[in-house]
N, C-alpha and C. Protein backbone atom coordinates (compact mmCIF):
# COMPACT_ATOMS: atom_id res chain seq x y z
N MET A 1 -37.59 -0.55 -42.45
CA MET A 1 -38.16 0.59 -43.28
C MET A 1 -38.41 0.58 -44.74
N THR A 2 -39.32 0.36 -45.82
CA THR A 2 -39.65 -0.14 -46.70
C THR A 2 -39.66 0.83 -47.86
N ILE A 3 -39.18 0.83 -48.98
CA ILE A 3 -39.36 1.36 -50.04
C ILE A 3 -41.03 1.50 -50.76
N PRO A 4 -41.51 2.49 -51.01
CA PRO A 4 -42.52 2.70 -51.85
C PRO A 4 -42.59 1.84 -53.27
N LEU A 5 -43.98 1.28 -53.40
CA LEU A 5 -43.92 0.52 -54.58
C LEU A 5 -43.90 1.00 -55.82
N ARG A 6 -43.93 2.79 -55.67
CA ARG A 6 -43.80 3.32 -56.74
C ARG A 6 -42.42 3.46 -57.27
N ASN A 7 -41.51 3.82 -56.50
CA ASN A 7 -40.28 3.85 -56.52
C ASN A 7 -39.53 2.52 -57.11
N THR A 8 -40.21 1.31 -56.63
CA THR A 8 -39.24 0.15 -56.95
C THR A 8 -39.52 0.15 -58.43
N ILE A 9 -41.22 0.44 -58.77
CA ILE A 9 -41.46 0.39 -60.46
C ILE A 9 -40.75 1.52 -61.27
N TYR A 10 -40.13 2.79 -60.68
CA TYR A 10 -39.50 3.54 -61.23
C TYR A 10 -38.16 2.72 -61.57
N ASP A 11 -37.64 2.18 -60.25
CA ASP A 11 -36.10 1.73 -60.88
C ASP A 11 -36.44 0.69 -61.77
N LYS A 12 -37.07 -0.17 -61.59
CA LYS A 12 -37.24 -1.58 -62.62
C LYS A 12 -37.18 -0.54 -64.01
N ILE A 13 -37.80 0.16 -64.31
CA ILE A 13 -38.17 0.47 -65.62
C ILE A 13 -37.18 1.47 -66.16
N LYS A 14 -36.02 2.34 -65.08
CA LYS A 14 -34.97 2.82 -65.30
C LYS A 14 -34.05 1.80 -65.96
N GLU A 15 -34.17 0.26 -65.20
CA GLU A 15 -32.86 -0.40 -65.46
C GLU A 15 -33.00 -0.26 -66.89
N VAL A 16 -34.24 -0.66 -67.87
CA VAL A 16 -33.95 -0.61 -68.95
C VAL A 16 -34.67 0.00 -69.62
N THR A 17 -34.85 1.14 -69.68
CA THR A 17 -35.33 2.41 -70.34
C THR A 17 -36.66 2.16 -70.59
N SER A 18 -37.14 1.07 -71.56
CA SER A 18 -38.41 1.06 -72.23
C SER A 18 -38.39 -0.84 -72.17
N LEU A 19 -39.72 -0.92 -71.69
CA LEU A 19 -40.50 -2.07 -71.52
C LEU A 19 -42.11 -2.25 -71.75
N THR A 20 -42.48 -2.91 -71.82
CA THR A 20 -44.13 -3.31 -72.08
C THR A 20 -44.51 -3.55 -70.62
N ASP A 21 -45.80 -2.87 -70.23
CA ASP A 21 -46.28 -2.68 -68.98
C ASP A 21 -46.34 -4.64 -69.05
N ILE A 22 -46.64 -5.26 -69.55
CA ILE A 22 -46.88 -6.78 -69.39
C ILE A 22 -45.36 -7.36 -68.96
N ASP A 23 -44.21 -6.94 -69.41
CA ASP A 23 -42.78 -7.44 -68.82
C ASP A 23 -42.65 -6.84 -67.64
N LEU A 24 -42.95 -5.50 -67.18
CA LEU A 24 -43.28 -5.13 -65.80
C LEU A 24 -43.80 -5.69 -65.30
N TYR A 25 -44.83 -5.67 -65.51
CA TYR A 25 -45.50 -6.39 -64.32
C TYR A 25 -45.05 -8.18 -64.17
N LYS A 26 -44.61 -8.92 -65.08
CA LYS A 26 -43.98 -10.16 -64.72
C LYS A 26 -42.83 -9.68 -63.93
N SER A 27 -42.14 -9.06 -64.21
CA SER A 27 -40.84 -8.54 -63.37
C SER A 27 -41.00 -8.04 -62.02
N LEU A 28 -42.41 -7.91 -61.82
CA LEU A 28 -42.77 -7.24 -60.40
C LEU A 28 -43.26 -8.64 -59.74
N THR A 29 -44.15 -9.69 -60.38
CA THR A 29 -44.28 -10.53 -59.63
C THR A 29 -43.61 -11.33 -59.51
N LYS A 30 -42.31 -11.37 -60.57
CA LYS A 30 -41.25 -12.25 -60.21
C LYS A 30 -40.21 -11.75 -58.64
N ASP A 31 -40.45 -10.55 -58.67
CA ASP A 31 -39.47 -10.32 -57.18
C ASP A 31 -40.56 -10.25 -56.18
N GLY A 32 -41.82 -10.78 -56.46
CA GLY A 32 -42.77 -10.73 -55.08
C GLY A 32 -43.57 -9.81 -54.55
N PHE A 33 -43.81 -8.89 -56.08
CA PHE A 33 -44.68 -8.18 -55.67
C PHE A 33 -46.15 -7.98 -56.73
N ILE A 34 -46.93 -8.41 -55.59
CA ILE A 34 -48.37 -8.87 -56.27
C ILE A 34 -49.16 -7.79 -56.51
N ILE A 35 -49.34 -7.04 -57.48
CA ILE A 35 -50.44 -5.77 -57.62
C ILE A 35 -51.70 -6.01 -58.21
N PRO A 36 -52.69 -5.49 -57.63
CA PRO A 36 -53.85 -5.68 -58.87
C PRO A 36 -53.86 -4.94 -59.89
N ASP A 37 -54.66 -4.87 -60.77
CA ASP A 37 -54.54 -4.38 -61.90
C ASP A 37 -54.85 -2.90 -61.47
N ASP A 38 -55.53 -2.74 -60.79
CA ASP A 38 -56.11 -1.04 -60.47
C ASP A 38 -54.88 -0.31 -60.14
N LYS A 39 -54.74 -1.08 -59.24
CA LYS A 39 -53.08 -0.30 -58.38
C LYS A 39 -51.87 -0.05 -59.38
N PHE A 40 -51.83 -1.27 -59.89
CA PHE A 40 -50.68 -0.99 -61.01
C PHE A 40 -50.76 0.19 -61.87
N ASN A 41 -52.19 0.46 -62.64
CA ASN A 41 -52.51 1.52 -63.59
C ASN A 41 -52.17 2.63 -62.80
N LYS A 42 -52.85 2.99 -61.42
CA LYS A 42 -52.96 4.23 -60.85
C LYS A 42 -51.01 4.56 -60.44
N LEU A 43 -50.28 3.35 -60.26
CA LEU A 43 -49.06 4.18 -59.88
C LEU A 43 -48.33 4.38 -61.15
N LEU A 44 -48.73 3.54 -62.77
CA LEU A 44 -48.23 4.21 -63.71
C LEU A 44 -48.55 5.55 -64.03
N LEU A 45 -50.20 5.78 -63.84
CA LEU A 45 -50.40 7.27 -64.16
C LEU A 45 -49.62 8.29 -63.08
N ASP A 46 -49.44 7.94 -61.59
CA ASP A 46 -49.01 8.84 -61.05
C ASP A 46 -47.19 9.31 -61.37
N LEU A 47 -46.75 7.92 -61.87
CA LEU A 47 -45.56 8.27 -62.47
C LEU A 47 -45.44 8.88 -63.49
N GLU A 48 -46.60 8.87 -64.67
CA GLU A 48 -46.43 9.76 -65.59
C GLU A 48 -46.77 11.54 -65.14
N ILE A 49 -47.79 11.20 -64.31
CA ILE A 49 -48.02 12.75 -64.16
C ILE A 49 -47.05 13.30 -63.25
N LEU A 50 -46.32 12.64 -62.64
CA LEU A 50 -45.02 13.46 -62.12
C LEU A 50 -43.76 13.56 -63.02
N GLY A 51 -44.16 13.35 -64.55
CA GLY A 51 -43.36 13.31 -65.72
C GLY A 51 -42.13 12.55 -65.14
N LEU A 52 -42.05 11.06 -64.95
CA LEU A 52 -41.07 10.45 -64.78
C LEU A 52 -40.67 9.43 -65.61
N ILE A 53 -41.91 9.20 -66.43
CA ILE A 53 -42.22 8.36 -67.32
C ILE A 53 -43.12 8.57 -68.30
N THR A 54 -43.28 8.09 -70.02
CA THR A 54 -44.24 8.46 -70.32
C THR A 54 -44.89 6.56 -71.16
N VAL A 55 -46.31 6.88 -71.12
CA VAL A 55 -46.71 5.49 -71.90
C VAL A 55 -47.56 5.34 -72.74
N ALA A 56 -47.40 4.76 -73.90
CA ALA A 56 -47.73 5.25 -74.92
C ALA A 56 -48.80 3.24 -75.50
N TRP A 57 -49.66 3.46 -75.95
CA TRP A 57 -50.67 2.33 -76.48
C TRP A 57 -49.81 1.70 -77.55
N ILE A 58 -49.40 0.25 -77.94
CA ILE A 58 -48.72 -0.33 -78.90
C ILE A 58 -49.76 -0.94 -79.59
N THR A 59 -50.46 -1.64 -78.65
CA THR A 59 -51.61 -2.37 -79.44
C THR A 59 -53.12 -2.31 -78.34
N LYS A 60 -53.93 -2.91 -78.56
CA LYS A 60 -55.30 -2.91 -77.60
C LYS A 60 -54.77 -3.04 -76.37
N ASP A 61 -54.08 -4.23 -75.83
CA ASP A 61 -53.90 -4.49 -74.87
C ASP A 61 -52.72 -4.57 -74.08
N GLU A 62 -51.82 -3.69 -74.85
CA GLU A 62 -50.46 -3.56 -74.31
C GLU A 62 -49.72 -2.40 -74.72
N ARG A 63 -49.18 -1.82 -73.57
CA ARG A 63 -48.48 -0.64 -73.32
C ARG A 63 -47.13 -0.38 -73.10
N ARG A 64 -46.64 0.78 -73.79
CA ARG A 64 -44.74 0.88 -73.73
C ARG A 64 -44.48 1.64 -73.09
N ILE A 65 -44.01 1.41 -71.75
CA ILE A 65 -43.42 2.61 -71.14
C ILE A 65 -42.32 2.80 -70.98
N GLU A 66 -41.28 4.41 -70.84
CA GLU A 66 -40.35 4.54 -71.43
C GLU A 66 -40.07 6.14 -70.38
N ILE A 67 -38.63 5.43 -69.55
CA ILE A 67 -38.25 6.98 -68.82
C ILE A 67 -38.29 8.19 -69.45
N SER A 68 -38.87 9.32 -69.35
CA SER A 68 -39.09 10.67 -69.88
C SER A 68 -37.78 10.97 -69.91
N ARG A 69 -37.44 11.73 -70.62
CA ARG A 69 -36.10 12.37 -71.11
C ARG A 69 -36.33 14.11 -71.13
N VAL A 70 -35.81 14.59 -69.98
CA VAL A 70 -36.18 16.06 -70.00
C VAL A 70 -35.02 17.38 -70.49
N GLU A 71 -34.95 17.32 -71.10
CA GLU A 71 -34.21 18.59 -71.71
C GLU A 71 -34.25 19.66 -71.31
N ALA A 72 -33.25 20.57 -70.39
CA ALA A 72 -33.40 21.82 -69.89
C ALA A 72 -33.39 22.81 -71.08
N GLU A 73 -34.12 23.85 -71.08
CA GLU A 73 -34.40 24.88 -71.71
C GLU A 73 -32.99 26.30 -71.07
N VAL A 74 -32.57 26.60 -72.32
CA VAL A 74 -31.58 27.37 -71.99
C VAL A 74 -31.98 28.53 -72.60
N ASP A 75 -31.99 29.78 -71.80
CA ASP A 75 -32.84 30.88 -71.73
C ASP A 75 -31.42 31.40 -72.30
N SER A 76 -31.36 32.35 -73.70
CA SER A 76 -29.89 33.16 -73.98
C SER A 76 -30.46 34.59 -73.19
N VAL A 77 -31.11 35.05 -73.13
CA VAL A 77 -31.38 36.28 -72.41
C VAL A 77 -30.62 36.33 -70.99
N GLU A 78 -31.13 35.18 -70.31
CA GLU A 78 -30.74 34.66 -68.92
C GLU A 78 -29.22 34.81 -68.85
N GLU A 79 -28.71 34.21 -69.70
CA GLU A 79 -27.21 33.38 -70.01
C GLU A 79 -26.39 34.78 -70.14
N GLN A 80 -26.92 35.54 -71.04
CA GLN A 80 -26.20 36.62 -71.19
C GLN A 80 -26.41 37.66 -69.99
N ASN A 81 -27.29 37.84 -69.53
CA ASN A 81 -27.23 38.62 -67.74
C ASN A 81 -26.34 38.00 -66.99
N LYS A 82 -26.34 37.03 -66.79
CA LYS A 82 -25.29 36.08 -66.19
C LYS A 82 -23.96 36.51 -66.24
N GLU A 83 -23.55 36.28 -67.63
CA GLU A 83 -21.94 36.49 -68.23
C GLU A 83 -21.65 38.11 -68.08
N MET A 84 -22.85 39.12 -68.23
CA MET A 84 -22.38 40.52 -67.51
C MET A 84 -22.40 40.67 -66.40
N MET A 85 -22.97 40.19 -65.52
CA MET A 85 -22.89 40.20 -63.97
C MET A 85 -21.95 39.67 -63.31
N GLU A 86 -20.98 38.34 -63.98
CA GLU A 86 -19.69 38.01 -63.91
C GLU A 86 -18.53 39.26 -64.27
N LYS A 87 -18.99 39.24 -65.14
CA LYS A 87 -17.75 40.30 -65.68
C LYS A 87 -18.04 41.92 -64.63
N ASP A 88 -18.96 42.17 -64.51
CA ASP A 88 -19.46 43.38 -63.32
C ASP A 88 -18.65 43.42 -62.14
N TYR A 89 -18.85 42.20 -61.61
CA TYR A 89 -18.46 41.69 -60.56
C TYR A 89 -16.61 41.79 -60.40
N GLU A 90 -16.62 41.08 -61.97
CA GLU A 90 -14.69 41.19 -62.02
C GLU A 90 -14.26 42.43 -62.04
N ALA A 91 -14.62 43.01 -62.51
CA ALA A 91 -14.19 44.23 -62.93
C ALA A 91 -14.52 45.39 -61.70
N SER A 92 -15.24 45.02 -60.58
CA SER A 92 -15.38 45.88 -59.26
C SER A 92 -14.39 46.11 -58.32
N PHE A 93 -13.25 45.07 -58.83
CA PHE A 93 -11.90 45.07 -57.98
C PHE A 93 -11.10 45.48 -58.65
N PRO A 94 -10.21 46.51 -57.33
CA PRO A 94 -9.27 47.76 -58.19
C PRO A 94 -8.01 47.12 -58.57
N GLY A 95 -7.43 47.39 -59.69
CA GLY A 95 -6.31 46.47 -60.45
C GLY A 95 -6.82 45.05 -61.21
N PHE A 96 -7.86 45.11 -61.24
CA PHE A 96 -8.31 44.30 -62.28
C PHE A 96 -8.26 44.38 -63.64
N GLU A 97 -7.27 43.84 -64.37
CA GLU A 97 -7.44 44.07 -65.97
C GLU A 97 -7.59 42.62 -66.55
N LYS A 98 -8.70 42.62 -67.51
CA LYS A 98 -8.79 41.66 -68.28
C LYS A 98 -8.38 41.60 -69.88
């Protein structure tokens, strides 16, 4: 069973967290993956659409590729509701005092 090329590219980026597209292409070629430019760009675009990486232009011919940092939003109202439900559940047992 072979690993999809997209996963291989993502793993390479994840190893160093930030690199240029030229360095990534050289690394893939060194590992034996010969990828045409259009397919390489499509794979990068797919990973960016999935929200796994971000791609930004450094110069006219070079791009910086980084792992996306996703921070989970904390909803304060949802957090309060959860705490109240836990307290109500615990208070529903007879003889429970806190």
